[in-house]
Amino acid sequence: MKLLTGLVFCSLVLAVSGGVFSFVTEAAQGSWDMWRAYQDMKEANFIGADKYFHARGNYDAARRGPGGAWAAEVISDTRENIQQLFGRGHEDSQADQEANRAGRRGEDPNKYRPKGLPGKY
């Protein structure tokens, strides 16, 4: 019985220290990447740059790993669903979602970068 208890305990420790803990860490870091892209978008206040910031936030988050990609998808879907609920256009939301997906697929966010956006971003 002690051996079985020890094996179960070790398995739990390994699961937490490996997969589960890593996923949670990636998700937290990915959430921070999304927040940073949102803050940069607000700071830049640049017309036509929203798709770039959508793609960049998702790209940065997804590069963290599966947890980051998951966080990016949940945040992006939630944001778009809330915006549609409050009357934002379906076409614009779909274009945002395509930029989100492109970023999560690892496509270069700069393809959405508008001319004139400061290099800081």
C-alpha atoms as a PDB file:
ATOM      1  CA  MET A   1       0.000   0.000   0.000  1.00  0.00           C
ATOM      2  CA  LYS A   2       2.843   2.383   0.815  1.00  0.00           C
ATOM      3  CA  LEU A   3       4.429   1.622  -2.550  1.00  0.00           C
ATOM      4  CA  LEU A   4       1.170   2.373  -4.374  1.00  0.00           C
ATOM      5  CA  THR A   5       0.703   5.618  -2.436  1.00  0.00           C
ATOM      6  CA  GLY A   6       4.282   6.621  -3.240  1.00  0.00           C
ATOM      7  CA  LEU A   7       3.817   5.883  -6.940  1.00  0.00           C
ATOM      8  CA  VAL A   8       0.588   7.898  -7.097  1.00  0.00           C
ATOM      9  CA  PHE A   9       2.233  10.813  -5.283  1.00  0.00           C
ATOM     10  CA  CYS A  10       5.270  10.766  -7.592  1.00  0.00           C
ATOM     11  CA  SER A  11       3.017  10.629 -10.646  1.00  0.00           C
ATOM     12  CA  LEU A  12       1.099  13.660  -9.445  1.00  0.00           C
ATOM     13  CA  VAL A  13       4.298  15.598  -8.759  1.00  0.00           C
ATOM     14  CA  LEU A  14       5.668  14.769 -12.206  1.00  0.00           C
ATOM     15  CA  ALA A  15       2.395  15.741 -13.896  1.00  0.00           C
ATOM     16  CA  VAL A  16       2.299  19.081 -12.113  1.00  0.00           C
ATOM     17  CA  SER A  17       5.973  19.820 -12.657  1.00  0.00           C
ATOM     18  CA  GLY A  18       5.796  18.878 -16.315  1.00  0.00           C
ATOM     19  CA  GLY A  19       2.677  19.124 -18.411  1.00  0.00           C
ATOM     20  CA  VAL A  20       0.049  20.816 -16.277  1.00  0.00           C
ATOM     21  CA  PHE A  21       2.359  23.394 -14.697  1.00  0.00           C
ATOM     22  CA  SER A  22       3.925  24.159 -18.072  1.00  0.00           C
ATOM     23  CA  PHE A  23       0.510  24.633 -19.700  1.00  0.00           C
ATOM     24  CA  VAL A  24      -0.651  26.966 -16.934  1.00  0.00           C
ATOM     25  CA  THR A  25       2.583  28.972 -17.121  1.00  0.00           C
ATOM     26  CA  GLU A  26       2.297  29.263 -20.908  1.00  0.00           C
ATOM     27  CA  ALA A  27      -1.335  30.349 -20.581  1.00  0.00           C
ATOM     28  CA  ALA A  28      -0.423  33.051 -18.065  1.00  0.00           C
ATOM     29  CA  GLN A  29       2.430  34.297 -20.233  1.00  0.00           C
ATOM     30  CA  GLY A  30       0.208  34.197 -23.327  1.00  0.00           C
ATOM     31  CA  SER A  31      -2.445  36.213 -21.506  1.00  0.00           C
ATOM     32  CA  TRP A  32       0.208  38.793 -20.684  1.00  0.00           C
ATOM     33  CA  ASP A  33       1.236  38.894 -24.380  1.00  0.00           C
ATOM     34  CA  MET A  34      -2.369  39.556 -25.349  1.00  0.00           C
ATOM     35  CA  TRP A  35      -2.663  42.312 -22.721  1.00  0.00           C
ATOM     36  CA  ARG A  36       0.567  43.921 -23.937  1.00  0.00           C
ATOM     37  CA  ALA A  37      -0.673  43.939 -27.559  1.00  0.00           C
ATOM     38  CA  TYR A  38      -3.956  45.495 -26.422  1.00  0.00           C
ATOM     39  CA  GLN A  39      -2.143  48.199 -24.449  1.00  0.00           C
ATOM     40  CA  ASP A  40       0.134  48.921 -27.427  1.00  0.00           C
ATOM     41  CA  MET A  41      -2.928  49.191 -29.689  1.00  0.00           C
ATOM     42  CA  LYS A  42      -4.518  51.721 -27.338  1.00  0.00           C
ATOM     43  CA  GLU A  43      -1.278  53.667 -27.000  1.00  0.00           C
ATOM     44  CA  ALA A  44      -0.604  53.721 -30.755  1.00  0.00           C
ATOM     45  CA  ASN A  45      -4.166  54.900 -31.492  1.00  0.00           C
ATOM     46  CA  PHE A  46      -3.400  54.339 -35.165  1.00  0.00           C
ATOM     47  CA  ILE A  47      -6.267  53.957 -37.622  1.00  0.00           C
ATOM     48  CA  GLY A  48      -6.168  50.632 -39.453  1.00  0.00           C
ATOM     49  CA  ALA A  49      -3.716  48.953 -37.069  1.00  0.00           C
ATOM     50  CA  ASP A  50      -6.147  46.776 -35.131  1.00  0.00           C
ATOM     51  CA  LYS A  51      -5.628  43.691 -37.320  1.00  0.00           C
ATOM     52  CA  TYR A  52      -1.864  43.994 -36.799  1.00  0.00           C
ATOM     53  CA  PHE A  53      -2.233  44.106 -33.019  1.00  0.00           C
ATOM     54  CA  HIS A  54      -4.689  41.194 -33.098  1.00  0.00           C
ATOM     55  CA  ALA A  55      -2.232  39.103 -35.102  1.00  0.00           C
ATOM     56  CA  ARG A  56       0.753  40.177 -33.003  1.00  0.00           C
ATOM     57  CA  GLY A  57      -0.887  39.372 -29.674  1.00  0.00           C
ATOM     58  CA  ASN A  58      -1.961  35.931 -30.878  1.00  0.00           C
ATOM     59  CA  TYR A  59       1.435  35.298 -32.497  1.00  0.00           C
ATOM     60  CA  ASP A  60       3.369  36.176 -29.335  1.00  0.00           C
ATOM     61  CA  ALA A  61       1.032  34.142 -27.127  1.00  0.00           C
ATOM     62  CA  ALA A  62       1.074  31.070 -29.379  1.00  0.00           C
ATOM     63  CA  ARG A  63       4.881  31.069 -29.436  1.00  0.00           C
ATOM     64  CA  ARG A  64       4.751  30.340 -25.691  1.00  0.00           C
ATOM     65  CA  GLY A  65       3.372  26.871 -26.424  1.00  0.00           C
ATOM     66  CA  PRO A  66      -0.004  25.106 -26.255  1.00  0.00           C
ATOM     67  CA  GLY A  67      -1.055  26.995 -23.130  1.00  0.00           C
ATOM     68  CA  GLY A  68      -0.332  30.345 -24.754  1.00  0.00           C
ATOM     69  CA  ALA A  69      -2.199  29.382 -27.922  1.00  0.00           C
ATOM     70  CA  TRP A  70      -5.161  28.253 -25.822  1.00  0.00           C
ATOM     71  CA  ALA A  71      -5.202  31.529 -23.862  1.00  0.00           C
ATOM     72  CA  ALA A  72      -4.975  33.544 -27.081  1.00  0.00           C
ATOM     73  CA  GLU A  73      -7.904  31.666 -28.606  1.00  0.00           C
ATOM     74  CA  VAL A  74     -10.088  32.014 -25.510  1.00  0.00           C
ATOM     75  CA  ILE A  75      -9.322  35.721 -25.126  1.00  0.00           C
ATOM     76  CA  SER A  76      -9.800  36.452 -28.835  1.00  0.00           C
ATOM     77  CA  ASP A  77     -13.071  34.536 -29.099  1.00  0.00           C
ATOM     78  CA  THR A  78     -14.434  36.134 -25.936  1.00  0.00           C
ATOM     79  CA  ARG A  79     -13.479  39.630 -27.067  1.00  0.00           C
ATOM     80  CA  GLU A  80     -15.070  39.181 -30.499  1.00  0.00           C
ATOM     81  CA  ASN A  81     -18.234  37.609 -29.072  1.00  0.00           C
ATOM     82  CA  ILE A  82     -18.682  40.485 -26.629  1.00  0.00           C
ATOM     83  CA  GLN A  83     -18.108  43.059 -29.354  1.00  0.00           C
ATOM     84  CA  GLN A  84     -20.670  41.373 -31.625  1.00  0.00           C
ATOM     85  CA  LEU A  85     -23.129  41.283 -28.744  1.00  0.00           C
ATOM     86  CA  PHE A  86     -22.854  45.063 -28.486  1.00  0.00           C
ATOM     87  CA  GLY A  87     -23.521  45.601 -32.170  1.00  0.00           C
ATOM     88  CA  ARG A  88     -20.124  45.565 -33.834  1.00  0.00           C
ATOM     89  CA  GLY A  89     -20.220  44.471 -37.471  1.00  0.00           C
ATOM     90  CA  HIS A  90     -19.994  40.790 -38.331  1.00  0.00           C
ATOM     91  CA  GLU A  91     -17.600  41.404 -41.245  1.00  0.00           C
ATOM     92  CA  ASP A  92     -15.157  43.362 -39.099  1.00  0.00           C
ATOM     93  CA  SER A  93     -15.285  40.698 -36.418  1.00  0.00           C
ATOM     94  CA  GLN A  94     -14.575  37.988 -38.992  1.00  0.00           C
ATOM     95  CA  ALA A  95     -11.585  39.964 -40.295  1.00  0.00           C
ATOM     96  CA  ASP A  96     -10.291  40.316 -36.721  1.00  0.00           C
ATOM     97  CA  GLN A  97     -10.729  36.586 -36.180  1.00  0.00           C
ATOM     98  CA  GLU A  98      -8.781  35.804 -39.351  1.00  0.00           C
ATOM     99  CA  ALA A  99      -5.927  37.993 -38.083  1.00  0.00           C
ATOM    100  CA  ASN A 100      -6.155  36.191 -34.721  1.00  0.00           C
ATOM    101  CA  ARG A 101      -5.963  32.766 -36.373  1.00  0.00           C
ATOM    102  CA  ALA A 102      -3.088  33.848 -38.629  1.00  0.00           C
ATOM    103  CA  GLY A 103      -1.111  34.949 -35.587  1.00  0.00           C
ATOM    104  CA  ARG A 104      -1.769  31.656 -33.782  1.00  0.00           C
ATOM    105  CA  ARG A 105      -0.682  29.733 -36.898  1.00  0.00           C
ATOM    106  CA  GLY A 106       2.658  31.512 -36.684  1.00  0.00           C
ATOM    107  CA  GLU A 107       2.169  33.756 -39.699  1.00  0.00           C
ATOM    108  CA  ASP A 108       4.123  37.008 -39.610  1.00  0.00           C
ATOM    109  CA  PRO A 109       1.920  39.690 -37.999  1.00  0.00           C
ATOM    110  CA  ASN A 110       3.681  42.326 -40.108  1.00  0.00           C
ATOM    111  CA  LYS A 111       1.520  41.335 -43.074  1.00  0.00           C
ATOM    112  CA  TYR A 112      -1.232  43.259 -41.237  1.00  0.00           C
ATOM    113  CA  ARG A 113       1.029  46.171 -40.299  1.00  0.00           C
ATOM    114  CA  PRO A 114      -0.240  49.438 -41.792  1.00  0.00           C
ATOM    115  CA  LYS A 115       2.160  51.867 -43.411  1.00  0.00           C
ATOM    116  CA  GLY A 116       3.222  54.615 -41.045  1.00  0.00           C
ATOM    117  CA  LEU A 117       2.790  52.667 -37.797  1.00  0.00           C
ATOM    118  CA  PRO A 118       5.766  53.664 -35.635  1.00  0.00           C
ATOM    119  CA  GLY A 119       8.571  51.102 -35.422  1.00  0.00           C
ATOM    120  CA  LYS A 120       8.125  50.981 -31.643  1.00  0.00           C
ATOM    121  CA  TYR A 121       5.268  48.558 -32.276  1.00  0.00           C
END
